[in-house]
Amino acid sequence: QVQLVESGGGLVQAGGSLRLSCAASGRTSTSWTMGWFRQAPGKERDFVATINWSYSNTYYADSVKGRFTISRDKAKNTVYLQMNSLKPEDTAVYYCAVRSGGNSYYRNSYDYWGQGTQVTVSS
């Protein structure tokens, strides 16, 4: 069993920045991949970014490329999502997730999820 706890969300004006953190506990594996997803009100949960735990292969949704950066700290068992140049359309609940195996864009392929952290970007 793996538990994921997100933090770092909040209110920010357009153009601002936030850094989200996701602390993992339990039986994680170096062969796993961490991902960030987001869900806006009334919308589906969409892929944002993913990183392989061991090799740091990263992939981003087109909507966040050049603005968001995913990273991980193995010693702290934590993944981060640095969000710059935030836009109102980035407003959503952001979730971290973990899956066995390599990178994936598909939310149904992830095995464990955090509770989410709210990000609100005002204009």
N, C-alpha and C. Protein backbone atom coordinates (compact mmCIF):
# COMPACT_ATOMS: atom_id res chain seq x y z
N GLN A 1 0.84 -1.19 0.00
CA GLN A 1 0.00 0.00 0.00
C GLN A 1 0.88 1.25 0.00
N VAL A 2 0.50 2.22 -0.83
CA VAL A 2 1.21 3.48 -0.94
C VAL A 2 0.26 4.61 -0.61
N GLN A 3 0.73 5.55 0.18
CA GLN A 3 -0.03 6.75 0.48
C GLN A 3 0.68 7.96 -0.10
N LEU A 4 -0.09 8.85 -0.71
CA LEU A 4 0.42 10.06 -1.32
C LEU A 4 -0.30 11.26 -0.73
N VAL A 5 0.47 12.27 -0.35
CA VAL A 5 -0.10 13.47 0.25
C VAL A 5 0.42 14.68 -0.50
N GLU A 6 -0.49 15.40 -1.16
CA GLU A 6 -0.13 16.61 -1.89
C GLU A 6 -0.19 17.82 -0.97
N SER A 7 0.62 18.81 -1.30
CA SER A 7 0.57 20.08 -0.60
C SER A 7 1.10 21.17 -1.53
N GLY A 8 0.89 22.41 -1.15
CA GLY A 8 1.43 23.52 -1.90
C GLY A 8 0.43 24.28 -2.75
N GLY A 9 -0.79 23.81 -2.82
CA GLY A 9 -1.80 24.52 -3.58
C GLY A 9 -2.22 25.80 -2.89
N GLY A 10 -2.96 26.62 -3.61
CA GLY A 10 -3.43 27.86 -3.05
C GLY A 10 -3.95 28.79 -4.11
N LEU A 11 -4.07 30.05 -3.74
CA LEU A 11 -4.56 31.10 -4.63
C LEU A 11 -3.38 31.88 -5.18
N VAL A 12 -3.42 32.17 -6.47
CA VAL A 12 -2.36 32.93 -7.10
C VAL A 12 -2.95 33.70 -8.28
N GLN A 13 -2.39 34.87 -8.55
CA GLN A 13 -2.82 35.64 -9.70
C GLN A 13 -2.17 35.11 -10.97
N ALA A 14 -2.82 35.36 -12.09
CA ALA A 14 -2.28 34.96 -13.38
C ALA A 14 -0.85 35.49 -13.54
N GLY A 15 0.02 34.63 -14.04
CA GLY A 15 1.42 34.96 -14.18
C GLY A 15 2.27 34.56 -13.00
N GLY A 16 1.65 34.17 -11.91
CA GLY A 16 2.38 33.78 -10.72
C GLY A 16 2.84 32.34 -10.76
N SER A 17 3.42 31.91 -9.66
CA SER A 17 4.01 30.57 -9.56
C SER A 17 3.60 29.88 -8.28
N LEU A 18 3.58 28.56 -8.34
CA LEU A 18 3.37 27.71 -7.19
C LEU A 18 4.22 26.46 -7.37
N ARG A 19 4.61 25.86 -6.26
CA ARG A 19 5.27 24.57 -6.30
C ARG A 19 4.47 23.58 -5.48
N LEU A 20 4.00 22.54 -6.13
CA LEU A 20 3.28 21.48 -5.46
C LEU A 20 4.25 20.38 -5.04
N SER A 21 3.96 19.78 -3.90
CA SER A 21 4.75 18.67 -3.41
C SER A 21 3.85 17.46 -3.20
N CYS A 22 4.42 16.29 -3.37
CA CYS A 22 3.71 15.05 -3.11
C CYS A 22 4.64 14.12 -2.37
N ALA A 23 4.34 13.88 -1.11
CA ALA A 23 5.14 12.99 -0.28
C ALA A 23 4.55 11.60 -0.32
N ALA A 24 5.38 10.62 -0.61
CA ALA A 24 4.95 9.24 -0.71
C ALA A 24 5.43 8.45 0.50
N SER A 25 4.59 7.56 0.96
CA SER A 25 4.95 6.66 2.04
C SER A 25 4.42 5.27 1.73
N GLY A 26 4.99 4.29 2.39
CA GLY A 26 4.60 2.92 2.13
C GLY A 26 5.60 2.23 1.21
N ARG A 27 5.15 1.21 0.57
CA ARG A 27 6.03 0.36 -0.22
C ARG A 27 6.13 0.84 -1.65
N THR A 28 6.89 1.90 -1.82
CA THR A 28 7.17 2.39 -3.16
C THR A 28 8.27 1.57 -3.81
N SER A 29 8.39 1.69 -5.11
CA SER A 29 9.36 0.93 -5.88
C SER A 29 10.14 1.84 -6.81
N THR A 30 11.41 1.55 -6.99
CA THR A 30 12.23 2.33 -7.92
C THR A 30 11.83 2.11 -9.37
N SER A 31 11.06 1.08 -9.64
CA SER A 31 10.60 0.81 -10.99
C SER A 31 9.31 1.54 -11.34
N TRP A 32 8.79 2.33 -10.43
CA TRP A 32 7.51 3.00 -10.61
C TRP A 32 7.67 4.38 -11.22
N THR A 33 6.54 4.91 -11.66
CA THR A 33 6.46 6.23 -12.25
C THR A 33 5.46 7.07 -11.46
N MET A 34 5.82 8.34 -11.26
CA MET A 34 4.93 9.28 -10.60
C MET A 34 4.32 10.20 -11.63
N GLY A 35 3.09 10.58 -11.40
CA GLY A 35 2.40 11.47 -12.32
C GLY A 35 1.62 12.55 -11.59
N TRP A 36 1.39 13.64 -12.31
CA TRP A 36 0.50 14.69 -11.85
C TRP A 36 -0.68 14.78 -12.81
N PHE A 37 -1.87 14.86 -12.25
CA PHE A 37 -3.09 15.06 -13.00
C PHE A 37 -3.85 16.22 -12.39
N ARG A 38 -4.79 16.76 -13.14
CA ARG A 38 -5.61 17.83 -12.60
C ARG A 38 -7.05 17.69 -13.08
N GLN A 39 -7.95 18.19 -12.26
CA GLN A 39 -9.36 18.10 -12.57
C GLN A 39 -10.04 19.43 -12.25
N ALA A 40 -10.50 20.09 -13.28
CA ALA A 40 -11.23 21.34 -13.13
C ALA A 40 -12.70 21.03 -12.85
N PRO A 41 -13.43 21.98 -12.27
CA PRO A 41 -14.84 21.74 -11.98
C PRO A 41 -15.62 21.32 -13.22
N GLY A 42 -16.34 20.22 -13.11
CA GLY A 42 -17.15 19.73 -14.22
C GLY A 42 -16.38 19.07 -15.34
N LYS A 43 -15.08 18.89 -15.17
CA LYS A 43 -14.24 18.33 -16.23
C LYS A 43 -13.66 16.98 -15.81
N GLU A 44 -13.12 16.28 -16.79
CA GLU A 44 -12.43 15.03 -16.53
C GLU A 44 -11.06 15.30 -15.92
N ARG A 45 -10.53 14.29 -15.27
CA ARG A 45 -9.19 14.39 -14.72
C ARG A 45 -8.17 14.19 -15.84
N ASP A 46 -7.33 15.20 -16.07
CA ASP A 46 -6.43 15.22 -17.21
C ASP A 46 -4.98 15.07 -16.79
N PHE A 47 -4.22 14.47 -17.68
CA PHE A 47 -2.78 14.32 -17.49
C PHE A 47 -2.09 15.67 -17.51
N VAL A 48 -1.10 15.83 -16.63
CA VAL A 48 -0.29 17.04 -16.58
C VAL A 48 1.18 16.72 -16.87
N ALA A 49 1.76 15.82 -16.09
CA ALA A 49 3.18 15.50 -16.23
C ALA A 49 3.47 14.17 -15.56
N THR A 50 4.55 13.54 -15.98
CA THR A 50 4.96 12.29 -15.37
C THR A 50 6.48 12.20 -15.34
N ILE A 51 7.00 11.47 -14.38
CA ILE A 51 8.44 11.28 -14.25
C ILE A 51 8.70 9.85 -13.78
N ASN A 52 9.67 9.21 -14.43
CA ASN A 52 10.10 7.90 -13.99
C ASN A 52 10.97 8.05 -12.76
N TRP A 53 10.72 7.23 -11.75
CA TRP A 53 11.39 7.41 -10.47
C TRP A 53 12.90 7.19 -10.56
N SER A 54 13.33 6.22 -11.34
CA SER A 54 14.74 5.87 -11.40
C SER A 54 15.52 6.70 -12.42
N TYR A 55 14.94 6.93 -13.59
CA TYR A 55 15.68 7.51 -14.70
C TYR A 55 15.28 8.93 -15.05
N SER A 56 14.28 9.46 -14.39
CA SER A 56 13.86 10.86 -14.55
C SER A 56 13.37 11.19 -15.95
N ASN A 57 12.90 10.20 -16.69
CA ASN A 57 12.25 10.51 -17.97
C ASN A 57 10.98 11.29 -17.69
N THR A 58 10.81 12.41 -18.36
CA THR A 58 9.67 13.28 -18.10
C THR A 58 8.85 13.52 -19.35
N TYR A 59 7.54 13.69 -19.15
CA TYR A 59 6.62 14.00 -20.23
C TYR A 59 5.59 14.98 -19.70
N TYR A 60 5.15 15.88 -20.59
CA TYR A 60 4.23 16.94 -20.20
C TYR A 60 3.07 17.04 -21.18
N ALA A 61 1.94 17.43 -20.64
CA ALA A 61 0.84 17.81 -21.50
C ALA A 61 1.21 19.06 -22.29
N ASP A 62 0.71 19.15 -23.52
CA ASP A 62 1.04 20.30 -24.35
C ASP A 62 0.66 21.62 -23.69
N SER A 63 -0.40 21.61 -22.92
CA SER A 63 -0.90 22.83 -22.31
C SER A 63 0.02 23.40 -21.24
N VAL A 64 0.96 22.59 -20.73
CA VAL A 64 1.84 23.06 -19.66
C VAL A 64 3.31 23.06 -20.04
N LYS A 65 3.65 22.60 -21.23
CA LYS A 65 5.04 22.57 -21.66
C LYS A 65 5.65 23.97 -21.63
N GLY A 66 6.84 24.06 -21.08
CA GLY A 66 7.53 25.33 -20.98
C GLY A 66 7.15 26.13 -19.76
N ARG A 67 6.11 25.73 -19.06
CA ARG A 67 5.67 26.44 -17.86
C ARG A 67 5.80 25.60 -16.59
N PHE A 68 5.55 24.32 -16.70
CA PHE A 68 5.58 23.42 -15.54
C PHE A 68 6.81 22.52 -15.63
N THR A 69 7.34 22.17 -14.47
CA THR A 69 8.47 21.25 -14.39
C THR A 69 8.21 20.22 -13.30
N ILE A 70 8.30 18.96 -13.65
CA ILE A 70 8.17 17.89 -12.68
C ILE A 70 9.56 17.41 -12.28
N SER A 71 9.74 17.13 -11.00
CA SER A 71 11.01 16.65 -10.50
C SER A 71 10.77 15.74 -9.31
N ARG A 72 11.83 15.07 -8.88
CA ARG A 72 11.68 14.20 -7.72
C ARG A 72 12.93 14.24 -6.85
N ASP A 73 12.73 13.98 -5.57
CA ASP A 73 13.79 13.90 -4.59
C ASP A 73 13.70 12.52 -3.97
N LYS A 74 14.60 11.65 -4.37
CA LYS A 74 14.55 10.28 -3.89
C LYS A 74 14.74 10.18 -2.38
N ALA A 75 15.64 10.99 -1.84
CA ALA A 75 15.93 10.93 -0.42
C ALA A 75 14.71 11.29 0.42
N LYS A 76 13.89 12.19 -0.08
CA LYS A 76 12.69 12.63 0.64
C LYS A 76 11.43 11.91 0.19
N ASN A 77 11.57 11.01 -0.79
CA ASN A 77 10.42 10.29 -1.32
C ASN A 77 9.31 11.24 -1.75
N THR A 78 9.71 12.27 -2.46
CA THR A 78 8.81 13.35 -2.80
C THR A 78 8.95 13.73 -4.27
N VAL A 79 7.83 14.02 -4.91
CA VAL A 79 7.82 14.58 -6.25
C VAL A 79 7.27 15.99 -6.18
N TYR A 80 7.69 16.82 -7.13
CA TYR A 80 7.31 18.21 -7.15
C TYR A 80 6.74 18.58 -8.51
N LEU A 81 5.92 19.58 -8.50
CA LEU A 81 5.46 20.19 -9.74
C LEU A 81 5.63 21.70 -9.59
N GLN A 82 6.65 22.23 -10.24
CA GLN A 82 6.87 23.66 -10.26
C GLN A 82 6.03 24.26 -11.37
N MET A 83 5.15 25.18 -11.02
CA MET A 83 4.22 25.77 -11.96
C MET A 83 4.51 27.25 -12.08
N ASN A 84 4.93 27.67 -13.26
CA ASN A 84 5.22 29.07 -13.53
C ASN A 84 4.25 29.60 -14.58
N SER A 85 4.18 30.91 -14.67
CA SER A 85 3.33 31.57 -15.66
C SER A 85 1.91 31.02 -15.64
N LEU A 86 1.36 30.92 -14.46
CA LEU A 86 0.05 30.30 -14.30
C LEU A 86 -1.04 31.10 -14.99
N LYS A 87 -2.00 30.37 -15.53
CA LYS A 87 -3.13 30.93 -16.24
C LYS A 87 -4.42 30.54 -15.54
N PRO A 88 -5.48 31.32 -15.71
CA PRO A 88 -6.76 30.94 -15.11
C PRO A 88 -7.21 29.53 -15.48
N GLU A 89 -6.90 29.08 -16.69
CA GLU A 89 -7.29 27.75 -17.10
C GLU A 89 -6.52 26.64 -16.40
N ASP A 90 -5.49 27.00 -15.64
CA ASP A 90 -4.79 26.03 -14.82
C ASP A 90 -5.53 25.72 -13.51
N THR A 91 -6.57 26.47 -13.23
CA THR A 91 -7.35 26.25 -12.01
C THR A 91 -7.93 24.84 -11.99
N ALA A 92 -7.63 24.11 -10.94
CA ALA A 92 -8.07 22.72 -10.84
C ALA A 92 -7.62 22.16 -9.50
N VAL A 93 -8.13 20.99 -9.18
CA VAL A 93 -7.55 20.19 -8.11
C VAL A 93 -6.45 19.35 -8.73
N TYR A 94 -5.27 19.43 -8.16
CA TYR A 94 -4.12 18.70 -8.68
C TYR A 94 -3.86 17.47 -7.83
N TYR A 95 -3.70 16.35 -8.51
CA TYR A 95 -3.49 15.07 -7.86
C TYR A 95 -2.16 14.47 -8.27
N CYS A 96 -1.45 13.90 -7.33
CA CYS A 96 -0.32 13.07 -7.69
C CYS A 96 -0.74 11.61 -7.66
N ALA A 97 -0.03 10.81 -8.42
CA ALA A 97 -0.37 9.41 -8.55
C ALA A 97 0.89 8.61 -8.83
N VAL A 98 0.81 7.31 -8.59
CA VAL A 98 1.94 6.42 -8.83
C VAL A 98 1.44 5.16 -9.53
N ARG A 99 2.27 4.65 -10.42
CA ARG A 99 1.97 3.41 -11.10
C ARG A 99 3.22 2.57 -11.20
N SER A 100 3.04 1.28 -11.36
CA SER A 100 4.16 0.40 -11.65
C SER A 100 4.50 0.52 -13.12
N GLY A 101 5.77 0.33 -13.44
CA GLY A 101 6.20 0.41 -14.82
C GLY A 101 6.55 1.83 -15.25
N GLY A 102 6.56 2.04 -16.55
CA GLY A 102 7.04 3.28 -17.13
C GLY A 102 6.01 4.37 -17.21
N ASN A 103 6.39 5.43 -17.93
CA ASN A 103 5.54 6.61 -18.06
C ASN A 103 4.22 6.27 -18.74
N SER A 104 3.19 6.96 -18.31
CA SER A 104 1.87 6.76 -18.88
C SER A 104 1.09 8.06 -18.84
N TYR A 105 0.31 8.31 -19.89
CA TYR A 105 -0.58 9.46 -19.95
C TYR A 105 -1.96 9.15 -19.37
N TYR A 106 -2.25 7.90 -19.13
CA TYR A 106 -3.61 7.45 -18.85
C TYR A 106 -3.87 7.34 -17.36
N ARG A 107 -4.87 8.05 -16.90
CA ARG A 107 -5.16 8.06 -15.47
C ARG A 107 -5.56 6.68 -14.94
N ASN A 108 -6.19 5.87 -15.78
CA ASN A 108 -6.62 4.56 -15.34
C ASN A 108 -5.47 3.59 -15.15
N SER A 109 -4.28 3.95 -15.61
CA SER A 109 -3.12 3.09 -15.45
C SER A 109 -2.39 3.33 -14.13
N TYR A 110 -2.80 4.33 -13.38
CA TYR A 110 -2.16 4.64 -12.10
C TYR A 110 -2.87 3.92 -10.96
N ASP A 111 -2.07 3.44 -10.04
CA ASP A 111 -2.56 2.55 -9.00
C ASP A 111 -2.93 3.25 -7.70
N TYR A 112 -2.23 4.32 -7.37
CA TYR A 112 -2.45 5.03 -6.12
C TYR A 112 -2.56 6.51 -6.38
N TRP A 113 -3.41 7.17 -5.59
CA TRP A 113 -3.69 8.58 -5.77
C TRP A 113 -3.67 9.31 -4.44
N GLY A 114 -3.22 10.56 -4.49
CA GLY A 114 -3.34 11.42 -3.33
C GLY A 114 -4.72 12.03 -3.24
N GLN A 115 -4.92 12.83 -2.22
CA GLN A 115 -6.24 13.42 -1.97
C GLN A 115 -6.48 14.67 -2.80
N GLY A 116 -5.45 15.22 -3.39
CA GLY A 116 -5.57 16.40 -4.21
C GLY A 116 -5.30 17.68 -3.45
N THR A 117 -4.83 18.69 -4.17
CA THR A 117 -4.63 20.02 -3.61
C THR A 117 -5.16 21.06 -4.59
N GLN A 118 -5.89 22.02 -4.07
CA GLN A 118 -6.57 23.00 -4.92
C GLN A 118 -5.62 24.09 -5.37
N VAL A 119 -5.62 24.35 -6.67
CA VAL A 119 -4.90 25.48 -7.25
C VAL A 119 -5.92 26.38 -7.93
N THR A 120 -5.94 27.63 -7.53
CA THR A 120 -6.86 28.60 -8.11
C THR A 120 -6.06 29.78 -8.64
N VAL A 121 -6.23 30.07 -9.92
CA VAL A 121 -5.51 31.16 -10.58
C VAL A 121 -6.53 32.21 -10.99
N SER A 122 -6.39 33.39 -10.46
CA SER A 122 -7.30 34.48 -10.76
C SER A 122 -6.75 35.34 -11.87
N SER A 123 -7.65 36.03 -12.56
CA SER A 123 -7.26 36.92 -13.64
C SER A 123 -7.43 38.38 -13.28
